[in-house]
Amino acid sequence: MKSVKPLLWSLVVIFLVVVVVQNLGVFTHEEALRLNLWVKEYQTGPVQLSLYFLGFFLIGVLLSYFNGLGERLKAKKTIKNHLETIRKLEEQIEVFKSLPVHKESSPSKETENA
């Protein structure tokens, strides 16, 4: 899988480059965004569509980052708790290793013959 993954990413990048090159006119076309709030209407100046694509892509990346932030923090806390548990258990193991070992007395030969 390690050798297949870079190959797949290379194919995706090549595909995206081909799409952009073949549709360069679409990406360089300029449009303005309008927003009508019934009270006030806003309009941006003309901007290339490629900048809109890039801006909305970055907004999506930021939204997904902040969406996963809570899960990452929760996972970090869980890992910290597990490491603390491991540390305590290792301390208990060291305590048990330092205790003297008592041999069980084997049954004497007299009781075996009886």
PDB file of N, CA and C in Angstrom:
ATOM      1  N   MET A   1       0.823  -1.193   0.000  1.00  0.00           N
ATOM      2  CA  MET A   1       0.000   0.000   0.000  1.00  0.00           C
ATOM      3  C   MET A   1       0.868   1.258   0.000  1.00  0.00           C
ATOM      4  N   LYS A   2       2.086   1.142   0.575  1.00  0.00           N
ATOM      5  CA  LYS A   2       2.958   2.309   0.622  1.00  0.00           C
ATOM      6  C   LYS A   2       3.376   2.756  -0.776  1.00  0.00           C
ATOM      7  N   SER A   3       3.551   1.826  -1.681  1.00  0.00           N
ATOM      8  CA  SER A   3       3.970   2.200  -3.031  1.00  0.00           C
ATOM      9  C   SER A   3       2.787   2.610  -3.902  1.00  0.00           C
ATOM     10  N   VAL A   4       1.584   2.193  -3.553  1.00  0.00           N
ATOM     11  CA  VAL A   4       0.400   2.516  -4.340  1.00  0.00           C
ATOM     12  C   VAL A   4      -0.107   3.922  -4.016  1.00  0.00           C
ATOM     13  N   LYS A   5       0.007   4.320  -2.772  1.00  0.00           N
ATOM     14  CA  LYS A   5      -0.514   5.614  -2.343  1.00  0.00           C
ATOM     15  C   LYS A   5       0.126   6.791  -3.087  1.00  0.00           C
ATOM     16  N   PRO A   6       1.447   6.876  -3.194  1.00  0.00           N
ATOM     17  CA  PRO A   6       2.036   7.991  -3.961  1.00  0.00           C
ATOM     18  C   PRO A   6       1.621   7.957  -5.441  1.00  0.00           C
ATOM     19  N   LEU A   7       1.455   6.771  -5.976  1.00  0.00           N
ATOM     20  CA  LEU A   7       1.023   6.654  -7.363  1.00  0.00           C
ATOM     21  C   LEU A   7      -0.383   7.222  -7.536  1.00  0.00           C
ATOM     22  N   LEU A   8      -1.286   6.894  -6.608  1.00  0.00           N
ATOM     23  CA  LEU A   8      -2.649   7.414  -6.687  1.00  0.00           C
ATOM     24  C   LEU A   8      -2.670   8.940  -6.540  1.00  0.00           C
ATOM     25  N   TRP A   9      -1.891   9.471  -5.608  1.00  0.00           N
ATOM     26  CA  TRP A   9      -1.837  10.928  -5.433  1.00  0.00           C
ATOM     27  C   TRP A   9      -1.259  11.598  -6.680  1.00  0.00           C
ATOM     28  N   SER A  10      -0.281  10.968  -7.296  1.00  0.00           N
ATOM     29  CA  SER A  10       0.290  11.527  -8.534  1.00  0.00           C
ATOM     30  C   SER A  10      -0.761  11.565  -9.635  1.00  0.00           C
ATOM     31  N   LEU A  11      -1.567  10.507  -9.738  1.00  0.00           N
ATOM     32  CA  LEU A  11      -2.625  10.485 -10.748  1.00  0.00           C
ATOM     33  C   LEU A  11      -3.678  11.563 -10.488  1.00  0.00           C
ATOM     34  N   VAL A  12      -4.011  11.781  -9.225  1.00  0.00           N
ATOM     35  CA  VAL A  12      -4.978  12.818  -8.877  1.00  0.00           C
ATOM     36  C   VAL A  12      -4.435  14.197  -9.249  1.00  0.00           C
ATOM     37  N   VAL A  13      -3.179  14.467  -8.927  1.00  0.00           N
ATOM     38  CA  VAL A  13      -2.571  15.760  -9.243  1.00  0.00           C
ATOM     39  C   VAL A  13      -2.508  15.957 -10.752  1.00  0.00           C
ATOM     40  N   ILE A  14      -2.115  14.927 -11.484  1.00  0.00           N
ATOM     41  CA  ILE A  14      -2.058  15.032 -12.948  1.00  0.00           C
ATOM     42  C   ILE A  14      -3.446  15.312 -13.512  1.00  0.00           C
ATOM     43  N   PHE A  15      -4.464  14.629 -12.990  1.00  0.00           N
ATOM     44  CA  PHE A  15      -5.835  14.856 -13.446  1.00  0.00           C
ATOM     45  C   PHE A  15      -6.262  16.297 -13.188  1.00  0.00           C
ATOM     46  N   LEU A  16      -5.954  16.824 -11.999  1.00  0.00           N
ATOM     47  CA  LEU A  16      -6.325  18.200 -11.681  1.00  0.00           C
ATOM     48  C   LEU A  16      -5.611  19.206 -12.579  1.00  0.00           C
ATOM     49  N   VAL A  17      -4.338  18.958 -12.870  1.00  0.00           N
ATOM     50  CA  VAL A  17      -3.593  19.852 -13.756  1.00  0.00           C
ATOM     51  C   VAL A  17      -4.205  19.835 -15.153  1.00  0.00           C
ATOM     52  N   VAL A  18      -4.572  18.661 -15.650  1.00  0.00           N
ATOM     53  CA  VAL A  18      -5.191  18.560 -16.973  1.00  0.00           C
ATOM     54  C   VAL A  18      -6.511  19.317 -16.998  1.00  0.00           C
ATOM     55  N   VAL A  19      -7.339  19.171 -15.950  1.00  0.00           N
ATOM     56  CA  VAL A  19      -8.627  19.870 -15.891  1.00  0.00           C
ATOM     57  C   VAL A  19      -8.416  21.381 -15.890  1.00  0.00           C
ATOM     58  N   VAL A  20      -7.471  21.865 -15.116  1.00  0.00           N
ATOM     59  CA  VAL A  20      -7.234  23.313 -15.036  1.00  0.00           C
ATOM     60  C   VAL A  20      -6.707  23.845 -16.362  1.00  0.00           C
ATOM     61  N   VAL A  21      -5.749  23.134 -16.968  1.00  0.00           N
ATOM     62  CA  VAL A  21      -5.167  23.604 -18.228  1.00  0.00           C
ATOM     63  C   VAL A  21      -6.220  23.621 -19.334  1.00  0.00           C
ATOM     64  N   GLN A  22      -7.071  22.600 -19.400  1.00  0.00           N
ATOM     65  CA  GLN A  22      -8.072  22.538 -20.456  1.00  0.00           C
ATOM     66  C   GLN A  22      -9.205  23.539 -20.243  1.00  0.00           C
ATOM     67  N   ASN A  23      -9.385  24.011 -19.022  1.00  0.00           N
ATOM     68  CA  ASN A  23     -10.466  24.947 -18.714  1.00  0.00           C
ATOM     69  C   ASN A  23      -9.926  26.257 -18.150  1.00  0.00           C
ATOM     70  N   LEU A  24      -8.816  26.694 -18.641  1.00  0.00           N
ATOM     71  CA  LEU A  24      -8.169  27.895 -18.133  1.00  0.00           C
ATOM     72  C   LEU A  24      -9.055  29.121 -18.282  1.00  0.00           C
ATOM     73  N   GLY A  25      -9.833  29.184 -19.333  1.00  0.00           N
ATOM     74  CA  GLY A  25     -10.736  30.315 -19.537  1.00  0.00           C
ATOM     75  C   GLY A  25     -11.775  30.432 -18.437  1.00  0.00           C
ATOM     76  N   VAL A  26     -12.244  29.294 -17.933  1.00  0.00           N
ATOM     77  CA  VAL A  26     -13.233  29.307 -16.848  1.00  0.00           C
ATOM     78  C   VAL A  26     -12.603  29.858 -15.573  1.00  0.00           C
ATOM     79  N   PHE A  27     -11.382  29.421 -15.274  1.00  0.00           N
ATOM     80  CA  PHE A  27     -10.739  29.830 -14.032  1.00  0.00           C
ATOM     81  C   PHE A  27     -10.270  31.284 -14.057  1.00  0.00           C
ATOM     82  N   THR A  28     -10.014  31.833 -15.250  1.00  0.00           N
ATOM     83  CA  THR A  28      -9.579  33.232 -15.327  1.00  0.00           C
ATOM     84  C   THR A  28     -10.746  34.188 -15.545  1.00  0.00           C
ATOM     85  N   HIS A  29     -11.933  33.646 -15.719  1.00  0.00           N
ATOM     86  CA  HIS A  29     -13.126  34.476 -15.884  1.00  0.00           C
ATOM     87  C   HIS A  29     -13.386  35.248 -14.595  1.00  0.00           C
ATOM     88  N   GLU A  30     -13.760  36.512 -14.715  1.00  0.00           N
ATOM     89  CA  GLU A  30     -13.984  37.348 -13.535  1.00  0.00           C
ATOM     90  C   GLU A  30     -15.476  37.498 -13.268  1.00  0.00           C
ATOM     91  N   GLU A  31     -15.838  37.369 -12.020  1.00  0.00           N
ATOM     92  CA  GLU A  31     -17.227  37.524 -11.577  1.00  0.00           C
ATOM     93  C   GLU A  31     -17.235  38.298 -10.264  1.00  0.00           C
ATOM     94  N   ALA A  32     -18.383  38.883  -9.955  1.00  0.00           N
ATOM     95  CA  ALA A  32     -18.557  39.592  -8.691  1.00  0.00           C
ATOM     96  C   ALA A  32     -19.574  38.826  -7.852  1.00  0.00           C
ATOM     97  N   LEU A  33     -19.349  38.788  -6.555  1.00  0.00           N
ATOM     98  CA  LEU A  33     -20.315  38.159  -5.646  1.00  0.00           C
ATOM     99  C   LEU A  33     -21.312  39.210  -5.177  1.00  0.00           C
ATOM    100  N   ARG A  34     -22.586  38.825  -5.149  1.00  0.00           N
ATOM    101  CA  ARG A  34     -23.636  39.721  -4.671  1.00  0.00           C
ATOM    102  C   ARG A  34     -24.325  39.084  -3.484  1.00  0.00           C
ATOM    103  N   LEU A  35     -24.734  39.919  -2.543  1.00  0.00           N
ATOM    104  CA  LEU A  35     -25.466  39.464  -1.366  1.00  0.00           C
ATOM    105  C   LEU A  35     -26.600  40.447  -1.114  1.00  0.00           C
ATOM    106  N   ASN A  36     -27.838  39.940  -1.169  1.00  0.00           N
ATOM    107  CA  ASN A  36     -29.012  40.772  -0.965  1.00  0.00           C
ATOM    108  C   ASN A  36     -29.644  40.385   0.369  1.00  0.00           C
ATOM    109  N   LEU A  37     -29.611  41.287   1.335  1.00  0.00           N
ATOM    110  CA  LEU A  37     -30.159  41.032   2.667  1.00  0.00           C
ATOM    111  C   LEU A  37     -31.521  41.721   2.862  1.00  0.00           C
ATOM    112  N   TRP A  38     -32.215  42.086   1.830  1.00  0.00           N
ATOM    113  CA  TRP A  38     -33.493  42.782   1.814  1.00  0.00           C
ATOM    114  C   TRP A  38     -33.404  44.194   2.387  1.00  0.00           C
ATOM    115  N   VAL A  39     -32.469  44.446   3.268  1.00  0.00           N
ATOM    116  CA  VAL A  39     -32.273  45.777   3.825  1.00  0.00           C
ATOM    117  C   VAL A  39     -31.144  46.479   3.083  1.00  0.00           C
ATOM    118  N   LYS A  40     -30.111  45.748   2.822  1.00  0.00           N
ATOM    119  CA  LYS A  40     -28.924  46.297   2.156  1.00  0.00           C
ATOM    120  C   LYS A  40     -28.406  45.261   1.181  1.00  0.00           C
ATOM    121  N   GLU A  41     -27.876  45.725   0.096  1.00  0.00           N
ATOM    122  CA  GLU A  41     -27.303  44.826  -0.902  1.00  0.00           C
ATOM    123  C   GLU A  41     -25.806  45.100  -1.005  1.00  0.00           C
ATOM    124  N   TYR A  42     -25.019  44.014  -0.979  1.00  0.00           N
ATOM    125  CA  TYR A  42     -23.564  44.115  -1.066  1.00  0.00           C
ATOM    126  C   TYR A  42     -23.108  43.473  -2.364  1.00  0.00           C
ATOM    127  N   GLN A  43     -22.017  44.006  -2.928  1.00  0.00           N
ATOM    128  CA  GLN A  43     -21.430  43.433  -4.134  1.00  0.00           C
ATOM    129  C   GLN A  43     -19.924  43.651  -4.091  1.00  0.00           C
ATOM    130  N   THR A  44     -19.189  42.568  -4.385  1.00  0.00           N
ATOM    131  CA  THR A  44     -17.733  42.680  -4.445  1.00  0.00           C
ATOM    132  C   THR A  44     -17.320  43.130  -5.830  1.00  0.00           C
ATOM    133  N   GLY A  45     -16.093  43.516  -5.935  1.00  0.00           N
ATOM    134  CA  GLY A  45     -15.551  43.851  -7.251  1.00  0.00           C
ATOM    135  C   GLY A  45     -15.306  42.569  -8.030  1.00  0.00           C
ATOM    136  N   PRO A  46     -15.075  42.657  -9.315  1.00  0.00           N
ATOM    137  CA  PRO A  46     -14.826  41.447 -10.107  1.00  0.00           C
ATOM    138  C   PRO A  46     -13.519  40.773  -9.691  1.00  0.00           C
ATOM    139  N   VAL A  47     -13.613  39.483  -9.434  1.00  0.00           N
ATOM    140  CA  VAL A  47     -12.464  38.682  -9.007  1.00  0.00           C
ATOM    141  C   VAL A  47     -12.456  37.411  -9.851  1.00  0.00           C
ATOM    142  N   GLN A  48     -11.273  36.902 -10.152  1.00  0.00           N
ATOM    143  CA  GLN A  48     -11.161  35.672 -10.939  1.00  0.00           C
ATOM    144  C   GLN A  48     -11.775  34.502 -10.174  1.00  0.00           C
ATOM    145  N   LEU A  49     -12.409  33.590 -10.920  1.00  0.00           N
ATOM    146  CA  LEU A  49     -13.050  32.430 -10.291  1.00  0.00           C
ATOM    147  C   LEU A  49     -12.038  31.537  -9.574  1.00  0.00           C
ATOM    148  N   SER A  50     -10.812  31.514 -10.052  1.00  0.00           N
ATOM    149  CA  SER A  50      -9.801  30.684  -9.386  1.00  0.00           C
ATOM    150  C   SER A  50      -9.578  31.150  -7.951  1.00  0.00           C
ATOM    151  N   LEU A  51      -9.662  32.470  -7.712  1.00  0.00           N
ATOM    152  CA  LEU A  51      -9.512  32.968  -6.345  1.00  0.00           C
ATOM    153  C   LEU A  51     -10.710  32.583  -5.484  1.00  0.00           C
ATOM    154  N   TYR A  52     -11.903  32.563  -6.079  1.00  0.00           N
ATOM    155  CA  TYR A  52     -13.078  32.095  -5.339  1.00  0.00           C
ATOM    156  C   TYR A  52     -12.926  30.623  -4.957  1.00  0.00           C
ATOM    157  N   PHE A  53     -12.478  29.797  -5.934  1.00  0.00           N
ATOM    158  CA  PHE A  53     -12.270  28.386  -5.640  1.00  0.00           C
ATOM    159  C   PHE A  53     -11.261  28.213  -4.510  1.00  0.00           C
ATOM    160  N   LEU A  54     -10.168  28.937  -4.594  1.00  0.00           N
ATOM    161  CA  LEU A  54      -9.130  28.849  -3.567  1.00  0.00           C
ATOM    162  C   LEU A  54      -9.658  29.308  -2.212  1.00  0.00           C
ATOM    163  N   GLY A  55     -10.402  30.414  -2.195  1.00  0.00           N
ATOM    164  CA  GLY A  55     -10.957  30.923  -0.934  1.00  0.00           C
ATOM    165  C   GLY A  55     -11.931  29.951  -0.301  1.00  0.00           C
ATOM    166  N   PHE A  56     -12.847  29.403  -1.094  1.00  0.00           N
ATOM    167  CA  PHE A  56     -13.811  28.457  -0.534  1.00  0.00           C
ATOM    168  C   PHE A  56     -13.142  27.147  -0.110  1.00  0.00           C
ATOM    169  N   PHE A  57     -12.091  26.751  -0.825  1.00  0.00           N
ATOM    170  CA  PHE A  57     -11.335  25.568  -0.409  1.00  0.00           C
ATOM    171  C   PHE A  57     -10.685  25.802   0.956  1.00  0.00           C
ATOM    172  N   LEU A  58     -10.067  26.974   1.134  1.00  0.00           N
ATOM    173  CA  LEU A  58      -9.428  27.288   2.421  1.00  0.00           C
ATOM    174  C   LEU A  58     -10.456  27.380   3.552  1.00  0.00           C
ATOM    175  N   ILE A  59     -11.630  27.920   3.250  1.00  0.00           N
ATOM    176  CA  ILE A  59     -12.696  27.963   4.261  1.00  0.00           C
ATOM    177  C   ILE A  59     -13.099  26.545   4.655  1.00  0.00           C
ATOM    178  N   GLY A  60     -13.198  25.649   3.690  1.00  0.00           N
ATOM    179  CA  GLY A  60     -13.527  24.254   3.980  1.00  0.00           C
ATOM    180  C   GLY A  60     -12.457  23.570   4.819  1.00  0.00           C
ATOM    181  N   VAL A  61     -11.191  23.852   4.513  1.00  0.00           N
ATOM    182  CA  VAL A  61     -10.092  23.272   5.293  1.00  0.00           C
ATOM    183  C   VAL A  61     -10.164  23.763   6.737  1.00  0.00           C
ATOM    184  N   LEU A  62     -10.404  25.059   6.929  1.00  0.00           N
ATOM    185  CA  LEU A  62     -10.495  25.609   8.285  1.00  0.00           C
ATOM    186  C   LEU A  62     -11.694  25.034   9.045  1.00  0.00           C
ATOM    187  N   LEU A  63     -12.825  24.900   8.369  1.00  0.00           N
ATOM    188  CA  LEU A  63     -14.006  24.328   9.023  1.00  0.00           C
ATOM    189  C   LEU A  63     -13.752  22.889   9.451  1.00  0.00           C
ATOM    190  N   SER A  64     -13.134  22.101   8.588  1.00  0.00           N
ATOM    191  CA  SER A  64     -12.864  20.710   8.961  1.00  0.00           C
ATOM    192  C   SER A  64     -11.818  20.632  10.069  1.00  0.00           C
ATOM    193  N   TYR A  65     -10.852  21.549  10.068  1.00  0.00           N
ATOM    194  CA  TYR A  65      -9.844  21.574  11.133  1.00  0.00           C
ATOM    195  C   TYR A  65     -10.504  21.846  12.484  1.00  0.00           C
ATOM    196  N   PHE A  66     -11.346  22.890  12.540  1.00  0.00           N
ATOM    197  CA  PHE A  66     -11.986  23.223  13.810  1.00  0.00           C
ATOM    198  C   PHE A  66     -13.036  22.194  14.206  1.00  0.00           C
ATOM    199  N   ASN A  67     -13.628  21.524  13.225  1.00  0.00           N
ATOM    200  CA  ASN A  67     -14.588  20.468  13.537  1.00  0.00           C
ATOM    201  C   ASN A  67     -13.880  19.283  14.209  1.00  0.00           C
ATOM    202  N   GLY A  68     -12.701  18.934  13.764  1.00  0.00           N
ATOM    203  CA  GLY A  68     -11.962  17.815  14.336  1.00  0.00           C
ATOM    204  C   GLY A  68     -11.132  18.182  15.548  1.00  0.00           C
ATOM    205  N   LEU A  69     -11.051  19.465  15.865  1.00  0.00           N
ATOM    206  CA  LEU A  69     -10.229  19.914  16.986  1.00  0.00           C
ATOM    207  C   LEU A  69     -10.704  19.330  18.311  1.00  0.00           C
ATOM    208  N   GLY A  70     -12.009  19.315  18.531  1.00  0.00           N
ATOM    209  CA  GLY A  70     -12.556  18.760  19.772  1.00  0.00           C
ATOM    210  C   GLY A  70     -12.227  17.286  19.923  1.00  0.00           C
ATOM    211  N   GLU A  71     -12.336  16.532  18.836  1.00  0.00           N
ATOM    212  CA  GLU A  71     -12.023  15.108  18.888  1.00  0.00           C
ATOM    213  C   GLU A  71     -10.543  14.885  19.166  1.00  0.00           C
ATOM    214  N   ARG A  72      -9.678  15.708  18.570  1.00  0.00           N
ATOM    215  CA  ARG A  72      -8.243  15.561  18.817  1.00  0.00           C
ATOM    216  C   ARG A  72      -7.902  15.869  20.268  1.00  0.00           C
ATOM    217  N   LEU A  73      -8.516  16.914  20.830  1.00  0.00           N
ATOM    218  CA  LEU A  73      -8.259  17.248  22.232  1.00  0.00           C
ATOM    219  C   LEU A  73      -8.750  16.135  23.151  1.00  0.00           C
ATOM    220  N   LYS A  74      -9.913  15.560  22.833  1.00  0.00           N
ATOM    221  CA  LYS A  74     -10.448  14.466  23.639  1.00  0.00           C
ATOM    222  C   LYS A  74      -9.533  13.242  23.554  1.00  0.00           C
ATOM    223  N   ALA A  75      -9.018  12.957  22.371  1.00  0.00           N
ATOM    224  CA  ALA A  75      -8.104  11.824  22.194  1.00  0.00           C
ATOM    225  C   ALA A  75      -6.802  12.063  22.948  1.00  0.00           C
ATOM    226  N   LYS A  76      -6.307  13.306  22.926  1.00  0.00           N
ATOM    227  CA  LYS A  76      -5.079  13.628  23.646  1.00  0.00           C
ATOM    228  C   LYS A  76      -5.256  13.419  25.151  1.00  0.00           C
ATOM    229  N   LYS A  77      -6.434  13.810  25.674  1.00  0.00           N
ATOM    230  CA  LYS A  77      -6.717  13.632  27.098  1.00  0.00           C
ATOM    231  C   LYS A  77      -6.809  12.144  27.440  1.00  0.00           C
ATOM    232  N   THR A  78      -7.442  11.363  26.567  1.00  0.00           N
ATOM    233  CA  THR A  78      -7.550   9.925  26.801  1.00  0.00           C
ATOM    234  C   THR A  78      -6.175   9.276  26.808  1.00  0.00           C
ATOM    235  N   ILE A  79      -5.316   9.657  25.870  1.00  0.00           N
ATOM    236  CA  ILE A  79      -3.957   9.112  25.822  1.00  0.00           C
ATOM    237  C   ILE A  79      -3.196   9.474  27.085  1.00  0.00           C
ATOM    238  N   LYS A  80      -3.355  10.709  27.541  1.00  0.00           N
ATOM    239  CA  LYS A  80      -2.675  11.143  28.761  1.00  0.00           C
ATOM    240  C   LYS A  80      -3.140  10.296  29.959  1.00  0.00           C
ATOM    241  N   ASN A  81      -4.453  10.039  30.052  1.00  0.00           N
ATOM    242  CA  ASN A  81      -4.972   9.206  31.142  1.00  0.00           C
ATOM    243  C   ASN A  81      -4.435   7.780  31.054  1.00  0.00           C
ATOM    244  N   HIS A  82      -4.370   7.229  29.843  1.00  0.00           N
ATOM    245  CA  HIS A  82      -3.847   5.870  29.684  1.00  0.00           C
ATOM    246  C   HIS A  82      -2.366   5.795  30.046  1.00  0.00           C
ATOM    247  N   LEU A  83      -1.603   6.807  29.664  1.00  0.00           N
ATOM    248  CA  LEU A  83      -0.182   6.815  30.021  1.00  0.00           C
ATOM    249  C   LEU A  83       0.001   6.905  31.533  1.00  0.00           C
ATOM    250  N   GLU A  84      -0.858   7.668  32.198  1.00  0.00           N
ATOM    251  CA  GLU A  84      -0.794   7.757  33.662  1.00  0.00           C
ATOM    252  C   GLU A  84      -1.119   6.401  34.296  1.00  0.00           C
ATOM    253  N   THR A  85      -2.115   5.714  33.751  1.00  0.00           N
ATOM    254  CA  THR A  85      -2.466   4.383  34.247  1.00  0.00           C
ATOM    255  C   THR A  85      -1.313   3.413  34.046  1.00  0.00           C
ATOM    256  N   ILE A  86      -0.671   3.480  32.888  1.00  0.00           N
ATOM    257  CA  ILE A  86       0.474   2.616  32.605  1.00  0.00           C
ATOM    258  C   ILE A  86       1.603   2.900  33.596  1.00  0.00           C
ATOM    259  N   ARG A  87       1.863   4.168  33.875  1.00  0.00           N
ATOM    260  CA  ARG A  87       2.920   4.534  34.818  1.00  0.00           C
ATOM    261  C   ARG A  87       2.627   3.968  36.202  1.00  0.00           C
ATOM    262  N   LYS A  88       1.369   4.070  36.650  1.00  0.00           N
ATOM    263  CA  LYS A  88       1.004   3.543  37.967  1.00  0.00           C
ATOM    264  C   LYS A  88       1.138   2.021  38.020  1.00  0.00           C
ATOM    265  N   LEU A  89       0.720   1.355  36.948  1.00  0.00           N
ATOM    266  CA  LEU A  89       0.833  -0.106  36.913  1.00  0.00           C
ATOM    267  C   LEU A  89       2.289  -0.553  36.886  1.00  0.00           C
ATOM    268  N   GLU A  90       3.150   0.194  36.186  1.00  0.00           N
ATOM    269  CA  GLU A  90       4.575  -0.138  36.174  1.00  0.00           C
ATOM    270  C   GLU A  90       5.184   0.044  37.561  1.00  0.00           C
ATOM    271  N   GLU A  91       4.739   1.065  38.294  1.00  0.00           N
ATOM    272  CA  GLU A  91       5.210   1.251  39.668  1.00  0.00           C
ATOM    273  C   GLU A  91       4.786   0.073  40.534  1.00  0.00           C
ATOM    274  N   GLN A  92       3.549  -0.401  40.355  1.00  0.00           N
ATOM    275  CA  GLN A  92       3.077  -1.558  41.124  1.00  0.00           C
ATOM    276  C   GLN A  92       3.889  -2.801  40.779  1.00  0.00           C
ATOM    277  N   ILE A  93       4.237  -2.956  39.509  1.00  0.00           N
ATOM    278  CA  ILE A  93       5.045  -4.107  39.098  1.00  0.00           C
ATOM    279  C   ILE A  93       6.405  -4.050  39.784  1.00  0.00           C
ATOM    280  N   GLU A  94       7.011  -2.856  39.846  1.00  0.00           N
ATOM    281  CA  GLU A  94       8.313  -2.716  40.510  1.00  0.00           C
ATOM    282  C   GLU A  94       8.205  -3.048  41.994  1.00  0.00           C
ATOM    283  N   VAL A  95       7.095  -2.643  42.620  1.00  0.00           N
ATOM    284  CA  VAL A  95       6.898  -2.978  44.037  1.00  0.00           C
ATOM    285  C   VAL A  95       6.805  -4.485  44.212  1.00  0.00           C
ATOM    286  N   PHE A  96       6.062  -5.141  43.339  1.00  0.00           N
ATOM    287  CA  PHE A  96       5.913  -6.594  43.438  1.00  0.00           C
ATOM    288  C   PHE A  96       7.220  -7.308  43.144  1.00  0.00           C
ATOM    289  N   LYS A  97       8.050  -6.754  42.279  1.00  0.00           N
ATOM    290  CA  LYS A  97       9.342  -7.372  41.984  1.00  0.00           C
ATOM    291  C   LYS A  97      10.284  -7.271  43.179  1.00  0.00           C
ATOM    292  N   SER A  98      10.125  -6.227  43.974  1.00  0.00           N
ATOM    293  CA  SER A  98      11.037  -6.050  45.105  1.00  0.00           C
ATOM    294  C   SER A  98      10.629  -6.876  46.319  1.00  0.00           C
ATOM    295  N   LEU A  99       9.421  -7.424  46.326  1.00  0.00           N
ATOM    296  CA  LEU A  99       8.992  -8.253  47.454  1.00  0.00           C
ATOM    297  C   LEU A  99       9.739  -9.579  47.441  1.00  0.00           C
ATOM    298  N   PRO A 100      10.042 -10.123  48.648  1.00  0.00           N
ATOM    299  CA  PRO A 100      10.728 -11.419  48.683  1.00  0.00           C
ATOM    300  C   PRO A 100       9.782 -12.525  48.215  1.00  0.00           C
ATOM    301  N   VAL A 101      10.385 -13.517  47.590  1.00  0.00           N
ATOM    302  CA  VAL A 101       9.604 -14.636  47.077  1.00  0.00           C
ATOM    303  C   VAL A 101       9.639 -15.741  48.116  1.00  0.00           C
ATOM    304  N   HIS A 102       8.476 -16.220  48.502  1.00  0.00           N
ATOM    305  CA  HIS A 102       8.378 -17.330  49.466  1.00  0.00           C
ATOM    306  C   HIS A 102       8.127 -18.600  48.684  1.00  0.00           C
ATOM    307  N   LYS A 103       8.995 -19.611  48.932  1.00  0.00           N
ATOM    308  CA  LYS A 103       8.808 -20.885  48.244  1.00  0.00           C
ATOM    309  C   LYS A 103       7.747 -21.675  48.994  1.00  0.00           C
ATOM    310  N   GLU A 104       6.926 -22.326  48.217  1.00  0.00           N
ATOM    311  CA  GLU A 104       5.939 -23.194  48.852  1.00  0.00           C
ATOM    312  C   GLU A 104       6.654 -24.448  49.326  1.00  0.00           C
ATOM    313  N   SER A 105       6.261 -24.879  50.494  1.00  0.00           N
ATOM    314  CA  SER A 105       6.906 -26.093  51.011  1.00  0.00           C
ATOM    315  C   SER A 105       6.362 -27.289  50.257  1.00  0.00           C
ATOM    316  N   SER A 106       7.270 -28.135  49.823  1.00  0.00           N
ATOM    317  CA  SER A 106       6.848 -29.336  49.097  1.00  0.00           C
ATOM    318  C   SER A 106       6.442 -30.394  50.102  1.00  0.00           C
ATOM    319  N   PRO A 107       5.510 -31.210  49.730  1.00  0.00           N
ATOM    320  CA  PRO A 107       5.079 -32.253  50.673  1.00  0.00           C
ATOM    321  C   PRO A 107       6.265 -33.158  51.023  1.00  0.00           C
ATOM    322  N   SER A 108       6.336 -33.492  52.274  1.00  0.00           N
ATOM    323  CA  SER A 108       7.462 -34.354  52.721  1.00  0.00           C
ATOM    324  C   SER A 108       7.239 -35.782  52.248  1.00  0.00           C
ATOM    325  N   LYS A 109       8.333 -36.540  52.218  1.00  0.00           N
ATOM    326  CA  LYS A 109       8.272 -37.904  51.739  1.00  0.00           C
ATOM    327  C   LYS A 109       7.496 -38.795  52.698  1.00  0.00           C
ATOM    328  N   GLU A 110       7.441 -38.376  53.953  1.00  0.00           N
ATOM    329  CA  GLU A 110       6.718 -39.200  54.930  1.00  0.00           C
ATOM    330  C   GLU A 110       5.224 -39.202  54.614  1.00  0.00           C
ATOM    331  N   THR A 111       4.687 -38.074  54.218  1.00  0.00           N
ATOM    332  CA  THR A 111       3.256 -38.026  53.935  1.00  0.00           C
ATOM    333  C   THR A 111       2.937 -38.706  52.617  1.00  0.00           C
ATOM    334  N   GLU A 112       3.895 -38.763  51.716  1.00  0.00           N
ATOM    335  CA  GLU A 112       3.656 -39.432  50.434  1.00  0.00           C
ATOM    336  C   GLU A 112       3.609 -40.937  50.632  1.00  0.00           C
ATOM    337  N   ASN A 113       4.407 -41.485  51.542  1.00  0.00           N
ATOM    338  CA  ASN A 113       4.458 -42.943  51.766  1.00  0.00           C
ATOM    339  C   ASN A 113       3.244 -43.425  52.532  1.00  0.00           C
ATOM    340  N   ALA A 114       2.609 -42.591  53.281  1.00  0.00           N
ATOM    341  CA  ALA A 114       1.531 -43.008  54.148  1.00  0.00           C
ATOM    342  C   ALA A 114       0.271 -43.324  53.417  1.00  0.00           C
TER     343      ALA A 114
END
